[in-house]
Amino acid sequence: MRKIVVKGAREHNLKGIDLELPQGAFICFVGPSGSGKSTLVFDVIGREAERRLLEALSPSIRQVLGPMRKPEVERIEGLCPPVIITRAQRQYGPRSTVGTATEIYDYMRILFARAGQPFCPRCQRPIRALPRERMVDELLSLDGKRIHILVPVKGEPAEKYLKEGFTRAMVDRKPVELEELPRGMPFDLLVDRLIVRSEERNRLRESLELALRYSSVVKVLVDDREVFLSPEPYCPFCELRFPPLTPSLFSFNAPEGACPRCNGLGEVDGEGCPQCGGKRLRQEALWVKIEQWDIATLGDLPIKDLLGVVDQLRVPPYLKEVLEAIRERLELLRRVGLGYLSLSRPMDSLSQGEIQRVRLSNELVMGLSGVMYLVDEPTVALHPKDQKEMLEILKDLRDQGNTVLVVEHDPETILEADWV
């Protein structure tokens, strides 16, 4: 069995400690306050592991990071790359939330960008955006129908299109010659008219491509009704264009998604932003929903409730892995006793213990192996049920092929350790 060997540790109040620890084990360090257990774990083993990791980096990186002091110890062998999770307060900015710190919000942004349905804020109707081949398929579904493919034109002179080779338009669904149109009159530029047949796919594609050169919205006249097609979200009833659905639209840390009034912070002069209601996002992002949920409302739910919603969401098959990544990370937060938090909760408002548990959940989902975890009192202030879940997480880290060193006072955790 490979071992971690410590010889002659004299850091702080340690008196020449010699120690051998098995690698790949769950090990608890116990003792009264001031006995030196934290010094041994963090200031000797942890610091020396960090120092050696730093020495393995390139000289340019070492110069930026600066030197690390070697602990007062004669010799240490068998160290692994360290991950140190203490209860010391980490610094988080106002833009960091539980959702961003765990990457759950990143997956949610992908989910809403791919599966979200925008709704018009004026008429509440769903807004469509179709890839170009889907537009062709939609027109082919009108088999046998006579259609007119049109480009809505407002505020542009007819002469512009005459120079492009067009000759006809429609006004109030009636055909007119372009050269006869009064200046300033809105009209629908006639791109093509045909009876739809399956063999006309190429012609339909070419006509749509031509129409989309002049407008992001194509109007199709079919019998007595109008159909609007666009590769971008568009409401034909309110003539309202919507920005493309991208992950950045749902990020309060990106210019495309941040509320312009509060710049994505949710506050103005120390109070809730009146434009976004403290949700941090621009209104267009809040018009996009999956079923009845927008991304901010989901982010405000307690994690234990959000898990139930995620389990019920219906998404396309190609997004199942994204949904599973969200569910897995939410479940880990619940397991470490943070089911009462929301993803929108700012990280700088959490206690030291809560931050420590967020970090533990992140480490478990990363699935690292051959690492040495050094954890400071992870079960402090936990409910007995949550203590058991935390114990299982520490064992899971060990079972992934890691060494887990824990400073602990909880008797049940100590009894479950491989080595004390």
Protein backbone atom coordinates (compact mmCIF):
# COMPACT_ATOMS: atom_id res chain seq x y z
CA MET A 1 0.00 0.00 0.00
CA ARG A 2 1.31 3.43 -0.96
CA LYS A 3 1.66 5.83 1.95
CA ILE A 4 1.97 9.48 2.83
CA VAL A 5 4.99 9.73 5.14
CA VAL A 6 5.61 12.75 7.40
CA LYS A 7 8.86 12.99 9.40
CA GLY A 8 9.74 15.64 11.97
CA ALA A 9 6.85 18.09 11.58
CA ARG A 10 7.53 21.15 13.78
CA GLU A 11 5.19 23.75 12.28
CA HIS A 12 3.64 26.05 14.93
CA ASN A 13 2.95 23.95 18.04
CA LEU A 14 3.85 20.55 16.55
CA LYS A 15 6.69 18.77 18.38
CA GLY A 16 8.52 16.68 15.78
CA ILE A 17 5.51 14.65 14.61
CA ASP A 18 6.16 11.45 12.60
CA LEU A 19 3.22 9.99 10.70
CA GLU A 20 2.35 7.41 8.05
CA LEU A 21 -1.04 7.55 6.29
CA PRO A 22 -2.47 5.16 3.67
CA GLN A 23 -3.22 6.70 0.29
CA GLY A 24 -6.70 6.21 -1.14
CA ALA A 25 -8.31 6.21 2.31
CA PHE A 26 -10.84 8.35 4.20
CA ILE A 27 -8.82 9.61 7.19
CA CYS A 28 -10.05 11.68 10.14
CA PHE A 29 -7.78 13.87 12.26
CA VAL A 30 -9.20 14.35 15.76
CA GLY A 31 -8.17 16.00 18.98
CA PRO A 32 -8.98 18.88 21.32
CA SER A 33 -8.81 22.47 20.16
CA GLY A 34 -5.20 23.64 19.88
CA SER A 35 -3.77 20.13 19.59
CA GLY A 36 -2.34 20.87 16.12
CA LYS A 37 -4.57 18.73 13.90
CA SER A 38 -5.40 21.61 11.53
CA THR A 39 -1.75 22.66 11.48
CA LEU A 40 -0.69 19.14 10.51
CA VAL A 41 -3.31 18.76 7.76
CA PHE A 42 -3.37 22.23 6.21
CA ASP A 43 -0.11 23.96 7.18
CA VAL A 44 2.18 20.95 6.76
CA ILE A 45 0.68 18.36 4.40
CA GLY A 46 -1.48 20.77 2.39
CA ARG A 47 1.07 23.55 2.07
CA GLU A 48 3.90 21.22 1.06
CA ALA A 49 1.66 19.56 -1.55
CA GLU A 50 0.78 23.01 -2.94
CA ARG A 51 4.44 24.08 -2.92
CA ARG A 52 5.52 21.01 -4.88
CA LEU A 53 2.69 21.48 -7.34
CA LEU A 54 3.84 25.07 -7.85
CA GLU A 55 7.42 23.92 -8.45
CA ALA A 56 6.19 21.67 -11.27
CA LEU A 57 4.84 24.69 -13.16
CA SER A 58 6.80 26.73 -15.69
CA PRO A 59 9.17 29.46 -14.41
CA SER A 60 6.99 32.22 -15.89
CA ILE A 61 3.93 31.01 -13.97
CA ARG A 62 5.94 30.56 -10.75
CA GLN A 63 7.17 34.13 -11.10
CA VAL A 64 3.60 35.42 -11.28
CA LEU A 65 2.35 33.33 -8.36
CA GLY A 66 5.38 34.01 -6.18
CA PRO A 67 7.27 31.63 -3.87
CA MET A 68 5.65 29.51 -1.14
CA ARG A 69 7.32 28.96 2.21
CA LYS A 70 8.33 25.39 2.96
CA PRO A 71 6.69 24.14 6.18
CA GLU A 72 8.82 23.19 9.18
CA VAL A 73 9.18 19.49 8.45
CA GLU A 74 12.16 17.22 7.83
CA ARG A 75 10.62 15.09 5.09
CA ILE A 76 7.29 14.34 3.40
CA GLU A 77 6.75 11.56 0.85
CA GLY A 78 3.81 10.24 -1.16
CA LEU A 79 1.94 13.52 -1.66
CA CYS A 80 -0.77 13.87 -4.33
CA PRO A 81 -2.07 17.04 -6.02
CA PRO A 82 -4.11 18.81 -3.30
CA VAL A 83 -7.63 20.22 -3.24
CA ILE A 84 -8.00 22.22 -0.03
CA ILE A 85 -11.53 22.98 1.18
CA THR A 86 -11.44 24.95 4.42
CA ARG A 87 -14.03 27.07 6.19
CA ALA A 88 -12.07 30.24 5.50
CA GLN A 89 -14.21 32.83 3.69
CA ARG A 90 -13.48 33.00 -0.04
CA GLN A 91 -13.95 36.25 -1.88
CA TYR A 92 -16.84 36.28 -4.36
CA GLY A 93 -17.98 39.25 -6.40
CA PRO A 94 -21.58 40.49 -6.61
CA ARG A 95 -22.06 38.68 -9.94
CA SER A 96 -21.32 35.23 -8.52
CA THR A 97 -24.33 33.13 -7.51
CA VAL A 98 -24.86 29.54 -6.44
CA GLY A 99 -25.92 28.84 -10.03
CA THR A 100 -22.81 30.33 -11.62
CA ALA A 101 -20.41 28.91 -9.01
CA THR A 102 -21.68 25.37 -9.66
CA GLU A 103 -22.02 25.82 -13.47
CA ILE A 104 -25.69 24.80 -13.20
CA TYR A 105 -26.73 28.17 -14.59
CA ASP A 106 -24.46 27.64 -17.62
CA TYR A 107 -26.34 24.44 -18.46
CA MET A 108 -29.67 26.18 -17.92
CA ARG A 109 -28.67 28.92 -20.36
CA ILE A 110 -27.93 26.27 -22.99
CA LEU A 111 -31.26 24.60 -22.26
CA PHE A 112 -33.26 27.81 -22.71
CA ALA A 113 -31.32 28.82 -25.82
CA ARG A 114 -32.08 25.47 -27.48
CA ALA A 115 -35.51 24.52 -26.12
CA GLY A 116 -36.99 27.84 -24.96
CA GLN A 117 -40.15 29.25 -26.54
CA PRO A 118 -40.28 33.06 -26.76
CA PHE A 119 -43.63 34.77 -26.23
CA CYS A 120 -44.63 38.20 -27.47
CA PRO A 121 -44.83 40.56 -24.46
CA ARG A 122 -47.69 42.49 -26.09
CA CYS A 123 -50.09 39.82 -27.36
CA GLN A 124 -48.69 36.81 -25.40
CA ARG A 125 -48.66 34.68 -28.55
CA PRO A 126 -45.74 32.27 -29.09
CA ILE A 127 -43.03 33.60 -31.38
CA ARG A 128 -41.45 31.29 -33.94
CA ALA A 129 -38.00 31.12 -35.48
CA LEU A 130 -37.33 28.52 -38.17
CA PRO A 131 -34.13 27.30 -39.80
CA ARG A 132 -34.29 27.86 -43.54
CA GLU A 133 -34.82 24.21 -44.46
CA ARG A 134 -37.69 24.10 -41.98
CA MET A 135 -39.23 27.03 -43.83
CA VAL A 136 -39.02 25.05 -47.07
CA ASP A 137 -40.64 22.05 -45.37
CA GLU A 138 -43.44 24.24 -44.05
CA LEU A 139 -44.20 25.54 -47.53
CA LEU A 140 -44.08 22.03 -48.99
CA SER A 141 -46.77 21.05 -46.49
CA LEU A 142 -49.10 23.35 -48.48
CA ASP A 143 -49.11 20.88 -51.37
CA GLY A 144 -51.48 21.92 -54.15
CA LYS A 145 -51.98 25.44 -52.79
CA ARG A 146 -51.23 28.59 -54.78
CA ILE A 147 -48.92 30.81 -52.76
CA HIS A 148 -47.31 34.24 -53.10
CA ILE A 149 -43.88 34.72 -51.49
CA LEU A 150 -43.58 38.35 -50.37
CA VAL A 151 -41.23 40.74 -48.59
CA PRO A 152 -42.94 43.37 -46.39
CA VAL A 153 -41.51 46.82 -47.23
CA LYS A 154 -41.99 50.00 -45.21
CA GLY A 155 -40.24 53.32 -45.58
CA GLU A 156 -38.26 52.37 -48.69
CA PRO A 157 -38.90 53.61 -52.24
CA ALA A 158 -40.16 51.20 -54.88
CA GLU A 159 -37.38 52.46 -57.20
CA LYS A 160 -34.82 50.57 -55.11
CA TYR A 161 -36.45 47.26 -56.00
CA LEU A 162 -37.07 48.22 -59.62
CA LYS A 163 -33.31 48.60 -59.97
CA GLU A 164 -32.91 45.10 -58.49
CA GLY A 165 -35.08 43.66 -61.26
CA PHE A 166 -38.39 43.30 -59.42
CA THR A 167 -41.53 44.49 -61.21
CA ARG A 168 -44.56 43.62 -59.10
CA ALA A 169 -45.86 44.02 -55.56
CA MET A 170 -49.05 43.50 -53.58
CA VAL A 171 -51.04 46.06 -51.61
CA ASP A 172 -53.95 44.83 -49.49
CA ARG A 173 -53.43 41.41 -51.13
CA LYS A 174 -53.98 42.85 -54.61
CA PRO A 175 -51.25 42.79 -57.30
CA VAL A 176 -49.84 46.13 -58.47
CA GLU A 177 -46.95 47.26 -60.65
CA LEU A 178 -44.00 48.59 -58.67
CA GLU A 179 -43.62 51.60 -60.94
CA GLU A 180 -47.23 52.64 -60.24
CA LEU A 181 -46.87 52.77 -56.45
CA PRO A 182 -47.11 56.22 -54.82
CA ARG A 183 -43.93 57.26 -53.02
CA GLY A 184 -43.94 56.29 -49.33
CA MET A 185 -46.72 53.69 -49.58
CA PRO A 186 -46.01 50.42 -47.72
CA PHE A 187 -46.18 47.35 -49.96
CA ASP A 188 -45.34 43.66 -50.15
CA LEU A 189 -42.64 42.96 -52.72
CA LEU A 190 -43.61 39.96 -54.88
CA VAL A 191 -40.68 37.53 -55.02
CA ASP A 192 -42.46 34.49 -56.46
CA ARG A 193 -45.87 32.93 -56.99
CA LEU A 194 -46.48 29.27 -57.66
CA ILE A 195 -48.56 26.19 -56.94
CA VAL A 196 -46.75 24.10 -54.34
CA ARG A 197 -45.57 20.69 -55.53
CA SER A 198 -43.00 18.35 -53.99
CA GLU A 199 -40.77 18.76 -57.05
CA GLU A 200 -40.62 22.52 -56.40
CA ARG A 201 -38.33 22.22 -53.33
CA ASN A 202 -35.35 23.87 -55.06
CA ARG A 203 -37.48 26.70 -56.40
CA LEU A 204 -38.99 27.32 -52.96
CA ARG A 205 -35.55 27.31 -51.37
CA GLU A 206 -34.18 29.79 -53.92
CA SER A 207 -37.20 32.09 -53.55
CA LEU A 208 -36.89 32.09 -49.76
CA GLU A 209 -33.16 32.80 -50.00
CA LEU A 210 -33.88 35.73 -52.32
CA ALA A 211 -36.57 37.11 -50.02
CA LEU A 212 -34.31 36.84 -46.97
CA ARG A 213 -31.70 39.01 -48.67
CA TYR A 214 -34.06 41.95 -48.27
CA SER A 215 -35.78 41.16 -44.98
CA SER A 216 -35.48 38.83 -42.01
CA VAL A 217 -39.24 38.22 -42.32
CA VAL A 218 -40.96 36.55 -45.27
CA LYS A 219 -44.72 36.87 -45.77
CA VAL A 220 -46.48 34.01 -47.58
CA LEU A 221 -50.01 34.57 -48.88
CA VAL A 222 -52.01 31.32 -48.90
CA ASP A 223 -55.67 31.56 -49.94
CA ASP A 224 -57.07 34.22 -47.60
CA ARG A 225 -54.48 33.97 -44.85
CA GLU A 226 -50.96 35.17 -44.25
CA VAL A 227 -48.10 33.03 -42.95
CA PHE A 228 -44.93 34.66 -41.63
CA LEU A 229 -41.59 32.86 -41.74
CA SER A 230 -38.34 34.06 -40.22
CA PRO A 231 -35.02 32.56 -39.11
CA GLU A 232 -35.23 35.01 -36.19
CA PRO A 233 -37.99 35.20 -33.57
CA TYR A 234 -40.72 37.53 -34.84
CA CYS A 235 -44.32 38.36 -33.90
CA PRO A 236 -46.25 39.23 -37.08
CA PHE A 237 -49.26 40.51 -35.12
CA CYS A 238 -47.28 43.15 -33.22
CA GLU A 239 -44.46 43.42 -35.80
CA LEU A 240 -42.02 42.85 -32.96
CA ARG A 241 -38.61 41.32 -33.61
CA PHE A 242 -36.91 39.30 -30.94
CA PRO A 243 -33.14 38.77 -30.48
CA PRO A 244 -31.74 35.36 -31.47
CA LEU A 245 -31.87 32.74 -28.73
CA THR A 246 -28.26 32.26 -27.64
CA PRO A 247 -26.84 31.30 -24.22
CA SER A 248 -25.54 34.87 -23.85
CA LEU A 249 -29.11 36.22 -23.93
CA PHE A 250 -29.71 34.47 -20.59
CA SER A 251 -26.49 35.64 -18.92
CA PHE A 252 -26.63 38.62 -16.56
CA ASN A 253 -22.84 38.74 -16.89
CA ALA A 254 -22.98 39.36 -20.66
CA PRO A 255 -24.03 42.59 -22.43
CA GLU A 256 -26.51 40.62 -24.55
CA GLY A 257 -28.44 39.42 -21.51
CA ALA A 258 -27.84 41.87 -18.66
CA CYS A 259 -30.61 44.25 -17.66
CA PRO A 260 -29.54 47.63 -19.12
CA ARG A 261 -30.76 49.53 -16.05
CA CYS A 262 -28.78 47.67 -13.36
CA ASN A 263 -26.13 46.13 -15.65
CA GLY A 264 -27.02 42.65 -14.44
CA LEU A 265 -26.58 43.34 -10.72
CA GLY A 266 -30.29 43.34 -9.84
CA GLU A 267 -29.92 46.50 -7.76
CA VAL A 268 -29.95 50.24 -8.37
CA ASP A 269 -28.69 52.49 -5.56
CA GLY A 270 -29.00 49.62 -3.08
CA GLU A 271 -32.61 48.80 -3.99
CA GLY A 272 -34.25 46.30 -6.33
CA CYS A 273 -34.02 47.31 -9.98
CA PRO A 274 -37.46 48.54 -11.17
CA GLN A 275 -36.84 47.44 -14.76
CA CYS A 276 -35.97 43.77 -14.16
CA GLY A 277 -37.51 43.36 -10.70
CA GLY A 278 -34.18 42.18 -9.32
CA LYS A 279 -33.97 39.32 -11.84
CA ARG A 280 -30.83 40.82 -13.44
CA LEU A 281 -31.82 39.96 -17.03
CA ARG A 282 -33.15 42.07 -19.88
CA GLN A 283 -36.85 41.66 -20.54
CA GLU A 284 -36.36 39.71 -23.77
CA ALA A 285 -34.73 36.86 -21.81
CA LEU A 286 -37.71 36.72 -19.45
CA TRP A 287 -40.12 36.34 -22.39
CA VAL A 288 -38.60 32.92 -23.16
CA LYS A 289 -40.15 29.96 -21.39
CA ILE A 290 -39.91 26.20 -21.16
CA GLU A 291 -43.44 25.13 -20.37
CA GLN A 292 -44.57 27.85 -17.92
CA TRP A 293 -41.10 28.63 -16.54
CA ASP A 294 -38.70 31.43 -17.39
CA ILE A 295 -35.05 31.02 -16.38
CA ALA A 296 -35.16 33.62 -13.58
CA THR A 297 -38.22 32.06 -11.92
CA LEU A 298 -36.52 28.66 -11.95
CA GLY A 299 -33.40 30.24 -10.47
CA ASP A 300 -35.43 31.67 -7.58
CA LEU A 301 -36.88 28.29 -6.55
CA PRO A 302 -35.32 26.42 -3.60
CA ILE A 303 -33.06 23.71 -4.99
CA LYS A 304 -35.19 20.95 -3.46
CA ASP A 305 -38.23 22.30 -5.37
CA LEU A 306 -36.26 22.95 -8.55
CA LEU A 307 -35.26 19.28 -8.62
CA GLY A 308 -38.94 18.33 -8.84
CA VAL A 309 -39.52 20.75 -11.72
CA VAL A 310 -36.45 19.53 -13.63
CA ASP A 311 -37.63 15.93 -13.31
CA GLN A 312 -40.90 16.90 -15.04
CA LEU A 313 -39.51 19.04 -17.88
CA ARG A 314 -39.93 17.67 -21.39
CA VAL A 315 -37.09 18.54 -23.76
CA PRO A 316 -35.92 17.23 -27.16
CA PRO A 317 -33.79 14.05 -27.01
CA TYR A 318 -30.59 15.88 -27.95
CA LEU A 319 -30.92 17.98 -24.77
CA LYS A 320 -31.36 15.05 -22.38
CA GLU A 321 -27.68 15.15 -21.40
CA VAL A 322 -27.91 18.86 -20.58
CA LEU A 323 -30.97 18.26 -18.41
CA GLU A 324 -29.23 15.34 -16.68
CA ALA A 325 -26.16 17.51 -15.95
CA ILE A 326 -28.47 20.04 -14.26
CA ARG A 327 -30.25 17.35 -12.28
CA GLU A 328 -27.00 15.71 -11.14
CA ARG A 329 -25.55 18.97 -9.82
CA LEU A 330 -28.80 19.94 -8.09
CA GLU A 331 -28.93 16.54 -6.42
CA LEU A 332 -25.38 16.97 -5.10
CA LEU A 333 -26.29 20.35 -3.60
CA ARG A 334 -29.27 18.72 -1.94
CA ARG A 335 -27.06 15.92 -0.62
CA VAL A 336 -24.68 18.37 1.06
CA GLY A 337 -27.62 19.97 2.86
CA LEU A 338 -28.14 23.02 0.65
CA GLY A 339 -31.59 22.18 -0.71
CA TYR A 340 -33.00 25.33 0.88
CA LEU A 341 -30.79 27.62 -1.24
CA SER A 342 -31.75 28.95 -4.67
CA LEU A 343 -29.48 29.19 -7.70
CA SER A 344 -29.97 32.97 -7.69
CA ARG A 345 -28.57 33.29 -4.15
CA PRO A 346 -25.40 35.46 -4.21
CA MET A 347 -22.30 33.57 -3.12
CA ASP A 348 -21.12 36.49 -1.01
CA SER A 349 -24.24 36.11 1.16
CA LEU A 350 -23.45 32.50 2.14
CA SER A 351 -21.84 31.40 5.38
CA GLN A 352 -18.38 29.84 5.41
CA GLY A 353 -19.89 26.39 5.90
CA GLU A 354 -22.31 26.85 2.99
CA ILE A 355 -19.51 27.94 0.67
CA GLN A 356 -17.47 24.91 1.74
CA ARG A 357 -20.36 22.58 0.88
CA VAL A 358 -20.88 24.24 -2.50
CA ARG A 359 -17.21 23.56 -3.26
CA LEU A 360 -17.53 19.95 -2.12
CA SER A 361 -20.45 19.36 -4.48
CA ASN A 362 -18.37 20.82 -7.32
CA GLU A 363 -15.47 18.50 -6.57
CA LEU A 364 -17.64 15.40 -6.57
CA VAL A 365 -19.19 16.16 -9.95
CA MET A 366 -15.74 16.73 -11.49
CA GLY A 367 -14.88 13.06 -10.91
CA LEU A 368 -11.16 13.62 -10.25
CA SER A 369 -8.94 10.66 -9.34
CA GLY A 370 -5.53 10.49 -7.68
CA VAL A 371 -6.16 13.75 -5.80
CA MET A 372 -5.71 14.49 -2.09
CA TYR A 373 -8.72 16.29 -0.57
CA LEU A 374 -8.13 18.23 2.66
CA VAL A 375 -11.45 19.20 4.27
CA ASP A 376 -12.05 21.21 7.43
CA GLU A 377 -15.00 20.12 9.64
CA PRO A 378 -17.52 19.49 6.84
CA THR A 379 -20.36 18.33 9.14
CA VAL A 380 -20.45 21.36 11.46
CA ALA A 381 -23.99 22.80 11.94
CA LEU A 382 -25.59 20.14 9.73
CA HIS A 383 -28.86 18.37 10.52
CA PRO A 384 -28.24 14.67 11.39
CA LYS A 385 -29.82 13.60 8.08
CA ASP A 386 -27.55 15.98 6.17
CA GLN A 387 -24.55 14.76 8.18
CA LYS A 388 -25.16 11.26 6.83
CA GLU A 389 -25.35 12.61 3.28
CA MET A 390 -22.08 14.51 3.81
CA LEU A 391 -20.45 11.33 5.08
CA GLU A 392 -21.52 9.50 1.92
CA ILE A 393 -20.07 12.29 -0.23
CA LEU A 394 -16.70 12.00 1.54
CA LYS A 395 -16.79 8.27 0.89
CA ASP A 396 -17.70 8.88 -2.76
CA LEU A 397 -14.62 11.10 -3.13
CA ARG A 398 -12.53 8.28 -1.69
CA ASP A 399 -14.16 5.69 -3.94
CA GLN A 400 -13.21 7.75 -7.00
CA GLY A 401 -9.58 6.90 -6.18
CA ASN A 402 -8.67 9.84 -3.95
CA THR A 403 -7.20 10.36 -0.49
CA VAL A 404 -9.55 12.28 1.82
CA LEU A 405 -8.06 13.98 4.91
CA VAL A 406 -10.70 15.47 7.21
CA VAL A 407 -10.36 17.51 10.40
CA GLU A 408 -13.48 16.46 12.29
CA HIS A 409 -15.19 16.39 15.70
CA ASP A 410 -18.39 14.53 14.81
CA PRO A 411 -18.31 11.05 16.44
CA GLU A 412 -20.36 9.35 13.69
CA THR A 413 -18.08 10.65 10.95
CA ILE A 414 -14.99 9.61 12.90
CA LEU A 415 -16.37 6.09 13.40
CA GLU A 416 -16.96 5.73 9.64
CA ALA A 417 -13.41 6.75 8.71
CA ASP A 418 -10.93 4.19 7.35
CA TRP A 419 -8.15 5.63 9.51
CA VAL A 420 -8.11 7.92 12.54
